Amino acid sequence: MSERLLNAAEVAELLAVPESWVREHTRSGSLPRVQLGRYIRYRREAILTWLESQEGADMRRGGARSTTATTRVREAA
């Protein structure tokens, strides 16, 4: 693992959501995270994989699938 771990603020920026949203979904267990003692960090690839799974879940529910956001996030990485 040579990739730097992200903090909640960086994940919020990556997903274009408020940091409070990241913390709320971390507490609920829906976002993948790494617990380092009292610190919580995130692997960029795990977050991007999670994002793709959310798009797939939306499609299974009958929603429109948009890979634009994931593609944009991956290209920025």
N, C-alpha and C. Protein backbone atom coordinates (compact mmCIF):
# COMPACT_ATOMS: atom_id res chain seq x y z
N MET A 1 0.84 -1.17 0.00
CA MET A 1 0.00 0.00 0.00
C MET A 1 0.89 1.24 0.00
N SER A 2 1.08 1.83 -1.15
CA SER A 2 1.90 3.02 -1.25
C SER A 2 1.07 4.28 -1.39
N GLU A 3 -0.23 4.11 -1.55
CA GLU A 3 -1.11 5.27 -1.72
C GLU A 3 -1.43 5.90 -0.37
N ARG A 4 -1.41 7.22 -0.34
CA ARG A 4 -1.72 7.96 0.88
C ARG A 4 -3.21 7.82 1.21
N LEU A 5 -3.51 7.64 2.48
CA LEU A 5 -4.90 7.56 2.93
C LEU A 5 -5.50 8.96 2.97
N LEU A 6 -6.82 9.02 2.78
CA LEU A 6 -7.54 10.30 2.78
C LEU A 6 -8.22 10.52 4.12
N ASN A 7 -8.43 11.78 4.47
CA ASN A 7 -9.23 12.09 5.65
C ASN A 7 -10.65 12.46 5.19
N ALA A 8 -11.53 12.75 6.13
CA ALA A 8 -12.94 13.01 5.80
C ALA A 8 -13.09 14.23 4.89
N ALA A 9 -12.30 15.26 5.12
CA ALA A 9 -12.39 16.47 4.29
C ALA A 9 -12.00 16.16 2.85
N GLU A 10 -10.99 15.33 2.66
CA GLU A 10 -10.54 14.98 1.30
C GLU A 10 -11.57 14.10 0.60
N VAL A 11 -12.21 13.20 1.33
CA VAL A 11 -13.26 12.37 0.74
C VAL A 11 -14.44 13.26 0.34
N ALA A 12 -14.78 14.21 1.19
CA ALA A 12 -15.88 15.14 0.88
C ALA A 12 -15.58 15.90 -0.40
N GLU A 13 -14.34 16.35 -0.55
CA GLU A 13 -13.96 17.07 -1.76
C GLU A 13 -14.01 16.15 -2.97
N LEU A 14 -13.53 14.93 -2.82
CA LEU A 14 -13.54 13.95 -3.91
C LEU A 14 -14.96 13.67 -4.40
N LEU A 15 -15.90 13.55 -3.46
CA LEU A 15 -17.29 13.23 -3.80
C LEU A 15 -18.17 14.46 -4.01
N ALA A 16 -17.62 15.64 -3.74
CA ALA A 16 -18.37 16.90 -3.86
C ALA A 16 -19.60 16.90 -2.96
N VAL A 17 -19.39 16.51 -1.71
CA VAL A 17 -20.44 16.53 -0.69
C VAL A 17 -19.89 17.21 0.56
N PRO A 18 -20.74 17.63 1.47
CA PRO A 18 -20.25 18.23 2.72
C PRO A 18 -19.50 17.19 3.57
N GLU A 19 -18.54 17.67 4.34
CA GLU A 19 -17.79 16.78 5.23
C GLU A 19 -18.72 16.10 6.24
N SER A 20 -19.78 16.81 6.65
CA SER A 20 -20.74 16.22 7.60
C SER A 20 -21.41 14.99 7.00
N TRP A 21 -21.64 15.00 5.67
CA TRP A 21 -22.24 13.84 4.99
C TRP A 21 -21.30 12.65 5.07
N VAL A 22 -20.00 12.90 4.85
CA VAL A 22 -19.00 11.82 4.93
C VAL A 22 -18.98 11.23 6.34
N ARG A 23 -18.96 12.09 7.34
CA ARG A 23 -18.92 11.61 8.73
C ARG A 23 -20.19 10.82 9.09
N GLU A 24 -21.33 11.31 8.64
CA GLU A 24 -22.60 10.62 8.92
C GLU A 24 -22.61 9.23 8.30
N HIS A 25 -22.19 9.11 7.03
CA HIS A 25 -22.18 7.81 6.36
C HIS A 25 -21.08 6.90 6.87
N THR A 26 -20.03 7.48 7.42
CA THR A 26 -18.99 6.68 8.07
C THR A 26 -19.56 6.06 9.35
N ARG A 27 -20.24 6.89 10.15
CA ARG A 27 -20.85 6.38 11.40
C ARG A 27 -21.88 5.29 11.14
N SER A 28 -22.63 5.45 10.05
CA SER A 28 -23.68 4.46 9.76
C SER A 28 -23.09 3.17 9.18
N GLY A 29 -21.81 3.21 8.80
CA GLY A 29 -21.16 2.01 8.26
C GLY A 29 -21.29 1.85 6.76
N SER A 30 -21.86 2.84 6.08
CA SER A 30 -22.05 2.67 4.64
C SER A 30 -20.83 3.03 3.81
N LEU A 31 -19.92 3.84 4.34
CA LEU A 31 -18.70 4.18 3.62
C LEU A 31 -17.55 3.28 4.09
N PRO A 32 -16.74 2.78 3.17
CA PRO A 32 -15.58 1.97 3.59
C PRO A 32 -14.54 2.85 4.26
N ARG A 33 -13.97 2.36 5.36
CA ARG A 33 -13.01 3.16 6.11
C ARG A 33 -11.94 2.28 6.73
N VAL A 34 -10.88 2.93 7.16
CA VAL A 34 -9.79 2.27 7.87
C VAL A 34 -9.72 2.93 9.25
N GLN A 35 -9.82 2.13 10.30
CA GLN A 35 -9.75 2.65 11.67
C GLN A 35 -8.31 2.51 12.16
N LEU A 36 -7.69 3.62 12.51
CA LEU A 36 -6.32 3.64 13.04
C LEU A 36 -6.38 4.21 14.44
N GLY A 37 -6.65 3.35 15.41
CA GLY A 37 -6.86 3.85 16.77
C GLY A 37 -8.09 4.72 16.80
N ARG A 38 -7.92 5.97 17.20
CA ARG A 38 -9.06 6.88 17.24
C ARG A 38 -9.25 7.64 15.93
N TYR A 39 -8.38 7.40 14.97
CA TYR A 39 -8.44 8.10 13.68
C TYR A 39 -9.13 7.24 12.62
N ILE A 40 -9.87 7.89 11.76
CA ILE A 40 -10.53 7.22 10.65
C ILE A 40 -9.95 7.79 9.36
N ARG A 41 -9.54 6.90 8.49
CA ARG A 41 -9.02 7.31 7.19
C ARG A 41 -9.70 6.47 6.12
N TYR A 42 -9.50 6.85 4.87
CA TYR A 42 -10.19 6.23 3.74
C TYR A 42 -9.20 5.93 2.63
N ARG A 43 -9.38 4.78 1.99
CA ARG A 43 -8.59 4.46 0.80
C ARG A 43 -9.33 5.00 -0.43
N ARG A 44 -8.64 5.76 -1.26
CA ARG A 44 -9.25 6.35 -2.45
C ARG A 44 -9.91 5.28 -3.31
N GLU A 45 -9.21 4.17 -3.58
CA GLU A 45 -9.77 3.11 -4.43
C GLU A 45 -11.03 2.50 -3.82
N ALA A 46 -11.05 2.34 -2.49
CA ALA A 46 -12.24 1.78 -1.83
C ALA A 46 -13.42 2.73 -1.97
N ILE A 47 -13.17 4.03 -1.86
CA ILE A 47 -14.25 5.01 -2.02
C ILE A 47 -14.77 4.99 -3.45
N LEU A 48 -13.87 4.93 -4.43
CA LEU A 48 -14.30 4.91 -5.83
C LEU A 48 -15.07 3.63 -6.17
N THR A 49 -14.64 2.51 -5.61
CA THR A 49 -15.35 1.24 -5.80
C THR A 49 -16.74 1.33 -5.17
N TRP A 50 -16.81 1.92 -3.97
CA TRP A 50 -18.09 2.11 -3.30
C TRP A 50 -19.01 2.97 -4.17
N LEU A 51 -18.46 4.05 -4.74
CA LEU A 51 -19.25 4.93 -5.59
C LEU A 51 -19.82 4.18 -6.79
N GLU A 52 -19.01 3.35 -7.41
CA GLU A 52 -19.49 2.55 -8.54
C GLU A 52 -20.58 1.58 -8.10
N SER A 53 -20.45 1.01 -6.91
CA SER A 53 -21.48 0.08 -6.43
C SER A 53 -22.79 0.83 -6.17
N GLN A 54 -22.70 2.09 -5.77
CA GLN A 54 -23.91 2.89 -5.56
C GLN A 54 -24.61 3.15 -6.89
N GLU A 55 -23.84 3.38 -7.93
CA GLU A 55 -24.43 3.57 -9.26
C GLU A 55 -25.11 2.28 -9.72
N GLY A 56 -24.47 1.14 -9.46
CA GLY A 56 -25.06 -0.15 -9.83
C GLY A 56 -26.34 -0.41 -9.05
N ALA A 57 -26.36 -0.03 -7.78
CA ALA A 57 -27.56 -0.21 -6.96
C ALA A 57 -28.69 0.66 -7.48
N ASP A 58 -28.36 1.86 -7.93
CA ASP A 58 -29.37 2.76 -8.50
C ASP A 58 -29.97 2.13 -9.75
N MET A 59 -29.15 1.52 -10.56
CA MET A 59 -29.62 0.90 -11.80
C MET A 59 -30.54 -0.29 -11.48
N ARG A 60 -30.16 -1.09 -10.46
CA ARG A 60 -30.99 -2.23 -10.08
C ARG A 60 -32.34 -1.79 -9.55
N ARG A 61 -32.39 -0.57 -8.97
CA ARG A 61 -33.66 -0.04 -8.47
C ARG A 61 -34.47 0.59 -9.59
N GLY A 62 -33.92 0.62 -10.80
CA GLY A 62 -34.66 1.17 -11.92
C GLY A 62 -34.30 2.60 -12.25
N GLY A 63 -33.30 3.15 -11.56
CA GLY A 63 -32.89 4.52 -11.82
C GLY A 63 -31.96 4.59 -13.01
N ALA A 64 -31.74 5.79 -13.47
CA ALA A 64 -30.82 5.99 -14.60
C ALA A 64 -29.38 5.87 -14.11
N ARG A 65 -28.57 5.20 -14.87
CA ARG A 65 -27.17 5.04 -14.49
C ARG A 65 -26.33 6.12 -15.14
N SER A 66 -25.56 6.79 -14.33
CA SER A 66 -24.67 7.82 -14.83
C SER A 66 -23.26 7.53 -14.35
N THR A 67 -22.38 7.20 -15.27
CA THR A 67 -21.00 6.94 -14.90
C THR A 67 -20.15 8.19 -15.02
N THR A 68 -20.75 9.30 -15.38
CA THR A 68 -20.01 10.53 -15.58
C THR A 68 -19.29 10.96 -14.31
N ALA A 69 -19.96 10.93 -13.17
CA ALA A 69 -19.34 11.37 -11.93
C ALA A 69 -18.16 10.49 -11.55
N THR A 70 -18.32 9.18 -11.63
CA THR A 70 -17.23 8.27 -11.31
C THR A 70 -16.08 8.44 -12.26
N THR A 71 -16.37 8.58 -13.54
CA THR A 71 -15.33 8.76 -14.53
C THR A 71 -14.56 10.04 -14.25
N ARG A 72 -15.26 11.12 -13.94
CA ARG A 72 -14.61 12.39 -13.63
C ARG A 72 -13.73 12.26 -12.40
N VAL A 73 -14.20 11.57 -11.36
CA VAL A 73 -13.44 11.40 -10.13
C VAL A 73 -12.19 10.57 -10.40
N ARG A 74 -12.32 9.48 -11.16
CA ARG A 74 -11.17 8.64 -11.47
C ARG A 74 -10.14 9.39 -12.31
N GLU A 75 -10.60 10.21 -13.26
CA GLU A 75 -9.67 10.95 -14.11
C GLU A 75 -8.92 12.00 -13.30
N ALA A 76 -9.55 12.54 -12.27
CA ALA A 76 -8.91 13.56 -11.44
C ALA A 76 -7.86 12.95 -10.52
N ALA A 77 -7.94 11.64 -10.31
CA ALA A 77 -7.03 10.98 -9.36
C ALA A 77 -5.64 10.83 -9.88
